[in-house]
Amino acid sequence: MWDSPSLEEKERQLEASRRYEERNKEKRRLAAKERMQRKQMNNKKLPQSEQDSIRDRQRKSEEAYHRRNRADIRERTASRRSDIYFDRWKDDLDNMPHPKHRIGCLQRLEDYKPAELAAWKCAQEALKNEWKPSRSRPIL
């Protein structure tokens, strides 16, 4: 059978819970006092110069936020746009017989995506070097 807690143990637990309650009561009292002070400060009318400086700080932070956001959007759309251009120019290259147009297209590709252009050129070389049966002979 379980031993019931001794009298000293019960007293120690009661004292601990009492101290805990007192600490919490004190914390709640301080928090309420702080809330009241903040409320009074918010209701107090600030001098015009302070209002202006607060407004300027808010405006500058908003401008900085929008500037960063616009730069991020520009960067994302630029990379997306270059991908679109690359795909379009690659299609043009595949479908363009005239060498003058091919050269202009290759130059645009080289400006935007040099690595992809090199890979495309390697693929074209591989296709060119690949053996194909002549069309005049029927495949048996």
N, C-alpha and C. Protein backbone atom coordinates (compact mmCIF):
# COMPACT_ATOMS: atom_id res chain seq x y z
N MET A 1 0.84 -1.19 0.00
CA MET A 1 0.00 0.00 0.00
C MET A 1 0.88 1.25 0.00
N TRP A 2 0.37 2.28 -0.69
CA TRP A 2 1.16 3.51 -0.79
C TRP A 2 1.21 4.23 0.55
N ASP A 3 2.36 4.76 0.83
CA ASP A 3 2.46 5.58 2.06
C ASP A 3 1.89 6.95 1.76
N SER A 4 1.09 7.44 2.66
CA SER A 4 0.56 8.78 2.49
C SER A 4 1.69 9.77 2.79
N PRO A 5 1.68 10.93 2.08
CA PRO A 5 2.77 11.89 2.31
C PRO A 5 2.76 12.36 3.77
N SER A 6 3.94 12.55 4.27
CA SER A 6 4.07 12.97 5.67
C SER A 6 3.56 14.39 5.84
N LEU A 7 3.38 14.77 7.07
CA LEU A 7 2.88 16.10 7.39
C LEU A 7 3.83 17.18 6.89
N GLU A 8 5.16 16.95 7.05
CA GLU A 8 6.14 17.94 6.57
C GLU A 8 6.07 18.10 5.05
N GLU A 9 5.89 16.97 4.38
CA GLU A 9 5.81 16.99 2.91
C GLU A 9 4.60 17.81 2.47
N LYS A 10 3.46 17.60 3.14
CA LYS A 10 2.25 18.36 2.80
C LYS A 10 2.47 19.85 3.04
N GLU A 11 3.10 20.19 4.16
CA GLU A 11 3.36 21.60 4.46
C GLU A 11 4.29 22.22 3.41
N ARG A 12 5.31 21.47 3.02
CA ARG A 12 6.26 21.96 2.03
C ARG A 12 5.53 22.21 0.68
N GLN A 13 4.64 21.30 0.29
CA GLN A 13 3.88 21.48 -0.95
C GLN A 13 2.96 22.69 -0.87
N LEU A 14 2.30 22.85 0.28
CA LEU A 14 1.43 24.02 0.47
C LEU A 14 2.22 25.33 0.37
N GLU A 15 3.39 25.36 1.01
CA GLU A 15 4.23 26.55 0.99
C GLU A 15 4.70 26.86 -0.44
N ALA A 16 5.07 25.82 -1.16
CA ALA A 16 5.52 26.02 -2.54
C ALA A 16 4.39 26.56 -3.40
N SER A 17 3.19 26.03 -3.26
CA SER A 17 2.07 26.51 -4.07
C SER A 17 1.72 27.95 -3.68
N ARG A 18 1.84 28.29 -2.39
CA ARG A 18 1.56 29.65 -1.93
C ARG A 18 2.57 30.63 -2.56
N ARG A 19 3.86 30.26 -2.54
CA ARG A 19 4.89 31.12 -3.14
C ARG A 19 4.64 31.29 -4.64
N TYR A 20 4.24 30.21 -5.29
CA TYR A 20 3.95 30.25 -6.72
C TYR A 20 2.81 31.23 -7.01
N GLU A 21 1.74 31.14 -6.21
CA GLU A 21 0.60 32.04 -6.38
C GLU A 21 1.00 33.49 -6.15
N GLU A 22 1.83 33.75 -5.13
CA GLU A 22 2.26 35.12 -4.85
C GLU A 22 3.09 35.68 -6.00
N ARG A 23 3.97 34.85 -6.54
CA ARG A 23 4.79 35.31 -7.68
C ARG A 23 3.90 35.64 -8.86
N ASN A 24 2.93 34.77 -9.13
CA ASN A 24 2.03 35.02 -10.26
C ASN A 24 1.20 36.28 -10.06
N LYS A 25 0.74 36.48 -8.81
CA LYS A 25 -0.06 37.67 -8.50
C LYS A 25 0.78 38.92 -8.75
N GLU A 26 2.05 38.87 -8.32
CA GLU A 26 2.96 40.01 -8.51
C GLU A 26 3.21 40.26 -10.00
N LYS A 27 3.41 39.18 -10.76
CA LYS A 27 3.63 39.33 -12.20
C LYS A 27 2.42 39.94 -12.88
N ARG A 28 1.22 39.48 -12.50
CA ARG A 28 0.01 40.02 -13.10
C ARG A 28 -0.16 41.49 -12.76
N ARG A 29 0.17 41.85 -11.50
CA ARG A 29 0.05 43.24 -11.08
C ARG A 29 1.00 44.13 -11.89
N LEU A 30 2.26 43.67 -12.06
CA LEU A 30 3.24 44.45 -12.83
C LEU A 30 2.82 44.57 -14.30
N ALA A 31 2.30 43.49 -14.85
CA ALA A 31 1.86 43.52 -16.25
C ALA A 31 0.71 44.51 -16.43
N ALA A 32 -0.23 44.52 -15.48
CA ALA A 32 -1.36 45.45 -15.57
C ALA A 32 -0.86 46.89 -15.46
N LYS A 33 0.09 47.11 -14.56
CA LYS A 33 0.65 48.46 -14.39
C LYS A 33 1.34 48.91 -15.68
N GLU A 34 2.09 48.00 -16.30
CA GLU A 34 2.79 48.32 -17.55
C GLU A 34 1.80 48.62 -18.67
N ARG A 35 0.72 47.83 -18.73
CA ARG A 35 -0.31 48.07 -19.75
C ARG A 35 -0.92 49.46 -19.57
N MET A 36 -1.19 49.82 -18.34
CA MET A 36 -1.77 51.14 -18.07
C MET A 36 -0.82 52.25 -18.50
N GLN A 37 0.47 52.08 -18.19
CA GLN A 37 1.45 53.11 -18.58
C GLN A 37 1.51 53.24 -20.11
N ARG A 38 1.50 52.08 -20.79
CA ARG A 38 1.53 52.12 -22.26
C ARG A 38 0.29 52.81 -22.82
N LYS A 39 -0.86 52.50 -22.21
CA LYS A 39 -2.12 53.10 -22.66
C LYS A 39 -2.06 54.61 -22.47
N GLN A 40 -1.53 55.07 -21.32
CA GLN A 40 -1.42 56.50 -21.07
C GLN A 40 -0.46 57.15 -22.07
N MET A 41 0.65 56.45 -22.38
CA MET A 41 1.62 56.99 -23.34
C MET A 41 0.98 57.10 -24.73
N ASN A 42 0.18 56.10 -25.09
CA ASN A 42 -0.46 56.12 -26.40
C ASN A 42 -1.49 57.24 -26.50
N ASN A 43 -2.14 57.54 -25.39
CA ASN A 43 -3.16 58.59 -25.41
C ASN A 43 -2.54 59.98 -25.36
N LYS A 44 -1.29 60.05 -24.90
CA LYS A 44 -0.63 61.35 -24.78
C LYS A 44 -0.29 61.89 -26.16
N LYS A 45 -0.55 63.16 -26.37
CA LYS A 45 -0.26 63.78 -27.66
C LYS A 45 1.23 64.10 -27.74
N LEU A 46 1.88 63.60 -28.78
CA LEU A 46 3.32 63.83 -28.96
C LEU A 46 3.54 65.18 -29.64
N PRO A 47 4.69 65.79 -29.39
CA PRO A 47 5.00 67.04 -30.11
C PRO A 47 5.06 66.79 -31.63
N GLN A 48 4.82 67.83 -32.39
CA GLN A 48 4.74 67.71 -33.84
C GLN A 48 6.03 67.16 -34.44
N SER A 49 7.17 67.58 -33.92
CA SER A 49 8.45 67.12 -34.48
C SER A 49 8.61 65.61 -34.30
N GLU A 50 8.20 65.11 -33.11
CA GLU A 50 8.29 63.66 -32.88
C GLU A 50 7.33 62.90 -33.79
N GLN A 51 6.12 63.45 -33.96
CA GLN A 51 5.16 62.81 -34.87
C GLN A 51 5.73 62.73 -36.28
N ASP A 52 6.36 63.85 -36.72
CA ASP A 52 6.95 63.87 -38.05
C ASP A 52 8.07 62.86 -38.18
N SER A 53 8.92 62.77 -37.15
CA SER A 53 10.05 61.83 -37.24
C SER A 53 9.54 60.38 -37.26
N ILE A 54 8.50 60.10 -36.47
CA ILE A 54 7.93 58.74 -36.47
C ILE A 54 7.34 58.43 -37.85
N ARG A 55 6.61 59.40 -38.41
CA ARG A 55 6.02 59.21 -39.73
C ARG A 55 7.10 58.99 -40.79
N ASP A 56 8.19 59.78 -40.70
CA ASP A 56 9.30 59.62 -41.66
C ASP A 56 9.92 58.23 -41.56
N ARG A 57 10.14 57.78 -40.32
CA ARG A 57 10.73 56.43 -40.13
C ARG A 57 9.84 55.36 -40.73
N GLN A 58 8.52 55.48 -40.48
CA GLN A 58 7.59 54.49 -41.04
C GLN A 58 7.60 54.52 -42.56
N ARG A 59 7.61 55.75 -43.12
CA ARG A 59 7.59 55.88 -44.58
C ARG A 59 8.87 55.29 -45.18
N LYS A 60 10.02 55.58 -44.55
CA LYS A 60 11.28 55.05 -45.07
C LYS A 60 11.34 53.53 -44.99
N SER A 61 10.84 52.97 -43.89
CA SER A 61 10.86 51.51 -43.78
C SER A 61 9.94 50.88 -44.82
N GLU A 62 8.77 51.51 -45.05
CA GLU A 62 7.87 50.99 -46.08
C GLU A 62 8.50 51.08 -47.46
N GLU A 63 9.17 52.22 -47.74
CA GLU A 63 9.82 52.37 -49.04
C GLU A 63 10.92 51.32 -49.22
N ALA A 64 11.69 51.08 -48.17
CA ALA A 64 12.76 50.08 -48.26
C ALA A 64 12.17 48.70 -48.51
N TYR A 65 11.07 48.41 -47.82
CA TYR A 65 10.41 47.11 -48.01
C TYR A 65 9.96 46.96 -49.46
N HIS A 66 9.30 48.00 -49.99
CA HIS A 66 8.79 47.92 -51.36
C HIS A 66 9.95 47.86 -52.37
N ARG A 67 11.04 48.58 -52.07
CA ARG A 67 12.19 48.56 -52.97
C ARG A 67 12.79 47.16 -53.03
N ARG A 68 12.95 46.53 -51.86
CA ARG A 68 13.48 45.15 -51.83
C ARG A 68 12.53 44.20 -52.55
N ASN A 69 11.23 44.39 -52.32
CA ASN A 69 10.23 43.52 -52.94
C ASN A 69 10.25 43.67 -54.46
N ARG A 70 10.34 44.94 -54.92
CA ARG A 70 10.37 45.16 -56.37
C ARG A 70 11.62 44.55 -56.98
N ALA A 71 12.76 44.68 -56.31
CA ALA A 71 14.01 44.10 -56.83
C ALA A 71 13.89 42.59 -56.93
N ASP A 72 13.28 41.99 -55.91
CA ASP A 72 13.10 40.54 -55.91
C ASP A 72 12.20 40.11 -57.06
N ILE A 73 11.10 40.85 -57.27
CA ILE A 73 10.18 40.52 -58.35
C ILE A 73 10.87 40.69 -59.69
N ARG A 74 11.64 41.80 -59.83
CA ARG A 74 12.36 42.02 -61.09
C ARG A 74 13.32 40.88 -61.39
N GLU A 75 14.02 40.44 -60.35
CA GLU A 75 15.00 39.36 -60.52
C GLU A 75 14.29 38.07 -60.96
N ARG A 76 13.18 37.76 -60.29
CA ARG A 76 12.45 36.54 -60.63
C ARG A 76 11.92 36.60 -62.06
N THR A 77 11.33 37.76 -62.44
CA THR A 77 10.76 37.84 -63.79
C THR A 77 11.87 37.83 -64.83
N ALA A 78 13.03 38.41 -64.52
CA ALA A 78 14.13 38.41 -65.49
C ALA A 78 14.60 36.99 -65.75
N SER A 79 14.73 36.19 -64.69
CA SER A 79 15.20 34.82 -64.92
C SER A 79 14.14 34.03 -65.68
N ARG A 80 12.87 34.25 -65.34
CA ARG A 80 11.80 33.56 -66.06
C ARG A 80 11.80 33.98 -67.52
N ARG A 81 11.99 35.31 -67.75
CA ARG A 81 11.97 35.83 -69.11
C ARG A 81 13.13 35.24 -69.91
N SER A 82 14.31 35.14 -69.31
CA SER A 82 15.45 34.60 -70.04
C SER A 82 15.21 33.13 -70.37
N ASP A 83 14.54 32.40 -69.47
CA ASP A 83 14.20 31.01 -69.78
C ASP A 83 13.25 30.94 -70.99
N ILE A 84 12.28 31.84 -71.00
CA ILE A 84 11.33 31.86 -72.11
C ILE A 84 12.06 32.19 -73.41
N TYR A 85 12.93 33.24 -73.34
CA TYR A 85 13.68 33.61 -74.53
C TYR A 85 14.56 32.46 -75.00
N PHE A 86 15.19 31.79 -74.05
CA PHE A 86 16.07 30.68 -74.41
C PHE A 86 15.28 29.61 -75.15
N ASP A 87 14.13 29.23 -74.61
CA ASP A 87 13.32 28.21 -75.26
C ASP A 87 12.88 28.66 -76.66
N ARG A 88 12.48 29.93 -76.75
CA ARG A 88 12.00 30.44 -78.04
C ARG A 88 13.14 30.46 -79.05
N TRP A 89 14.32 30.94 -78.62
CA TRP A 89 15.45 31.03 -79.54
C TRP A 89 15.96 29.65 -79.92
N LYS A 90 15.88 28.71 -78.98
CA LYS A 90 16.30 27.35 -79.31
C LYS A 90 15.38 26.77 -80.37
N ASP A 91 14.08 27.02 -80.22
CA ASP A 91 13.13 26.58 -81.24
C ASP A 91 13.45 27.25 -82.58
N ASP A 92 13.76 28.56 -82.53
CA ASP A 92 14.11 29.28 -83.75
C ASP A 92 15.33 28.64 -84.40
N LEU A 93 16.32 28.31 -83.57
CA LEU A 93 17.54 27.70 -84.11
C LEU A 93 17.22 26.38 -84.81
N ASP A 94 16.37 25.61 -84.18
CA ASP A 94 16.03 24.32 -84.77
C ASP A 94 15.27 24.47 -86.08
N ASN A 95 14.54 25.57 -86.23
CA ASN A 95 13.67 25.74 -87.40
C ASN A 95 14.18 26.77 -88.40
N MET A 96 15.39 27.31 -88.20
CA MET A 96 15.88 28.38 -89.06
C MET A 96 16.92 27.87 -90.04
N PRO A 97 16.60 27.83 -91.29
CA PRO A 97 17.59 27.35 -92.26
C PRO A 97 18.62 28.40 -92.64
N HIS A 98 18.22 29.69 -92.62
CA HIS A 98 19.13 30.72 -93.13
C HIS A 98 20.25 31.00 -92.12
N PRO A 99 21.53 30.91 -92.56
CA PRO A 99 22.65 31.07 -91.62
C PRO A 99 22.70 32.43 -90.95
N LYS A 100 22.27 33.49 -91.66
CA LYS A 100 22.31 34.83 -91.07
C LYS A 100 21.41 34.89 -89.83
N HIS A 101 20.23 34.32 -89.94
CA HIS A 101 19.32 34.33 -88.80
C HIS A 101 19.85 33.45 -87.69
N ARG A 102 20.45 32.33 -88.05
CA ARG A 102 21.00 31.42 -87.04
C ARG A 102 22.10 32.10 -86.23
N ILE A 103 22.94 32.91 -86.91
CA ILE A 103 24.04 33.57 -86.20
C ILE A 103 23.49 34.57 -85.19
N GLY A 104 22.49 35.35 -85.60
CA GLY A 104 21.89 36.32 -84.67
C GLY A 104 21.26 35.61 -83.48
N CYS A 105 20.61 34.51 -83.74
CA CYS A 105 19.97 33.74 -82.68
C CYS A 105 21.02 33.16 -81.73
N LEU A 106 22.10 32.66 -82.30
CA LEU A 106 23.18 32.10 -81.47
C LEU A 106 23.79 33.18 -80.58
N GLN A 107 23.95 34.38 -81.13
CA GLN A 107 24.52 35.47 -80.33
C GLN A 107 23.61 35.84 -79.17
N ARG A 108 22.30 35.89 -79.44
CA ARG A 108 21.37 36.21 -78.34
C ARG A 108 21.44 35.12 -77.27
N LEU A 109 21.50 33.87 -77.72
CA LEU A 109 21.57 32.78 -76.76
C LEU A 109 22.84 32.84 -75.94
N GLU A 110 23.94 33.21 -76.60
CA GLU A 110 25.22 33.26 -75.90
C GLU A 110 25.20 34.34 -74.82
N ASP A 111 24.50 35.45 -75.10
CA ASP A 111 24.39 36.52 -74.11
C ASP A 111 23.62 36.06 -72.89
N TYR A 112 22.56 35.31 -73.11
CA TYR A 112 21.69 34.95 -71.99
C TYR A 112 22.09 33.66 -71.28
N LYS A 113 22.34 32.60 -72.04
CA LYS A 113 22.54 31.29 -71.44
C LYS A 113 23.72 30.57 -72.09
N PRO A 114 24.96 30.93 -71.76
CA PRO A 114 26.10 30.31 -72.43
C PRO A 114 26.21 28.81 -72.18
N ALA A 115 25.90 28.35 -70.98
CA ALA A 115 26.05 26.92 -70.67
C ALA A 115 25.04 26.09 -71.46
N GLU A 116 23.79 26.58 -71.51
CA GLU A 116 22.77 25.84 -72.24
C GLU A 116 23.08 25.84 -73.73
N LEU A 117 23.65 26.95 -74.23
CA LEU A 117 23.99 27.01 -75.64
C LEU A 117 25.08 25.99 -75.96
N ALA A 118 26.07 25.87 -75.09
CA ALA A 118 27.13 24.88 -75.31
C ALA A 118 26.54 23.47 -75.33
N ALA A 119 25.62 23.19 -74.42
CA ALA A 119 24.98 21.87 -74.39
C ALA A 119 24.19 21.63 -75.67
N TRP A 120 23.50 22.68 -76.16
CA TRP A 120 22.72 22.54 -77.38
C TRP A 120 23.63 22.25 -78.57
N LYS A 121 24.78 22.98 -78.61
CA LYS A 121 25.73 22.77 -79.71
C LYS A 121 26.26 21.34 -79.69
N CYS A 122 26.59 20.81 -78.49
CA CYS A 122 27.06 19.43 -78.39
C CYS A 122 25.99 18.46 -78.90
N ALA A 123 24.74 18.71 -78.53
CA ALA A 123 23.66 17.83 -78.98
C ALA A 123 23.52 17.88 -80.49
N GLN A 124 23.67 19.09 -81.07
CA GLN A 124 23.57 19.22 -82.53
C GLN A 124 24.70 18.45 -83.22
N GLU A 125 25.91 18.55 -82.65
CA GLU A 125 27.05 17.80 -83.22
C GLU A 125 26.80 16.31 -83.16
N ALA A 126 26.27 15.85 -82.02
CA ALA A 126 26.00 14.42 -81.87
C ALA A 126 24.95 13.97 -82.89
N LEU A 127 23.94 14.80 -83.11
CA LEU A 127 22.92 14.46 -84.09
C LEU A 127 23.51 14.41 -85.50
N LYS A 128 24.40 15.37 -85.78
CA LYS A 128 25.00 15.42 -87.10
C LYS A 128 25.89 14.20 -87.36
N ASN A 129 26.61 13.77 -86.33
CA ASN A 129 27.55 12.65 -86.48
C ASN A 129 26.88 11.29 -86.39
N GLU A 130 25.61 11.31 -85.98
CA GLU A 130 24.92 10.03 -85.82
C GLU A 130 24.65 9.40 -87.19
N TRP A 131 24.79 8.06 -87.28
CA TRP A 131 24.59 7.38 -88.56
C TRP A 131 23.11 7.28 -88.85
N LYS A 132 22.75 7.61 -90.08
CA LYS A 132 21.35 7.48 -90.50
C LYS A 132 21.33 6.70 -91.81
N PRO A 133 20.41 5.79 -91.98
CA PRO A 133 20.33 5.07 -93.26
C PRO A 133 19.89 6.02 -94.37
N SER A 134 20.34 5.77 -95.55
CA SER A 134 19.94 6.65 -96.66
C SER A 134 18.46 6.39 -96.96
N ARG A 135 17.81 7.40 -97.45
CA ARG A 135 16.37 7.27 -97.69
C ARG A 135 16.09 6.52 -99.01
N SER A 136 17.10 6.47 -99.86
CA SER A 136 16.86 5.80 -101.14
C SER A 136 16.72 4.29 -100.96
N ARG A 137 17.42 3.74 -99.99
CA ARG A 137 17.33 2.29 -99.77
C ARG A 137 16.22 1.97 -98.80
N PRO A 138 15.37 1.05 -99.10
CA PRO A 138 14.35 0.66 -98.12
C PRO A 138 14.97 -0.16 -96.99
N ILE A 139 14.49 0.04 -95.78
CA ILE A 139 14.98 -0.73 -94.64
C ILE A 139 14.25 -2.06 -94.61
N LEU A 140 15.03 -3.15 -94.60
CA LEU A 140 14.41 -4.49 -94.64
C LEU A 140 14.06 -4.98 -93.28
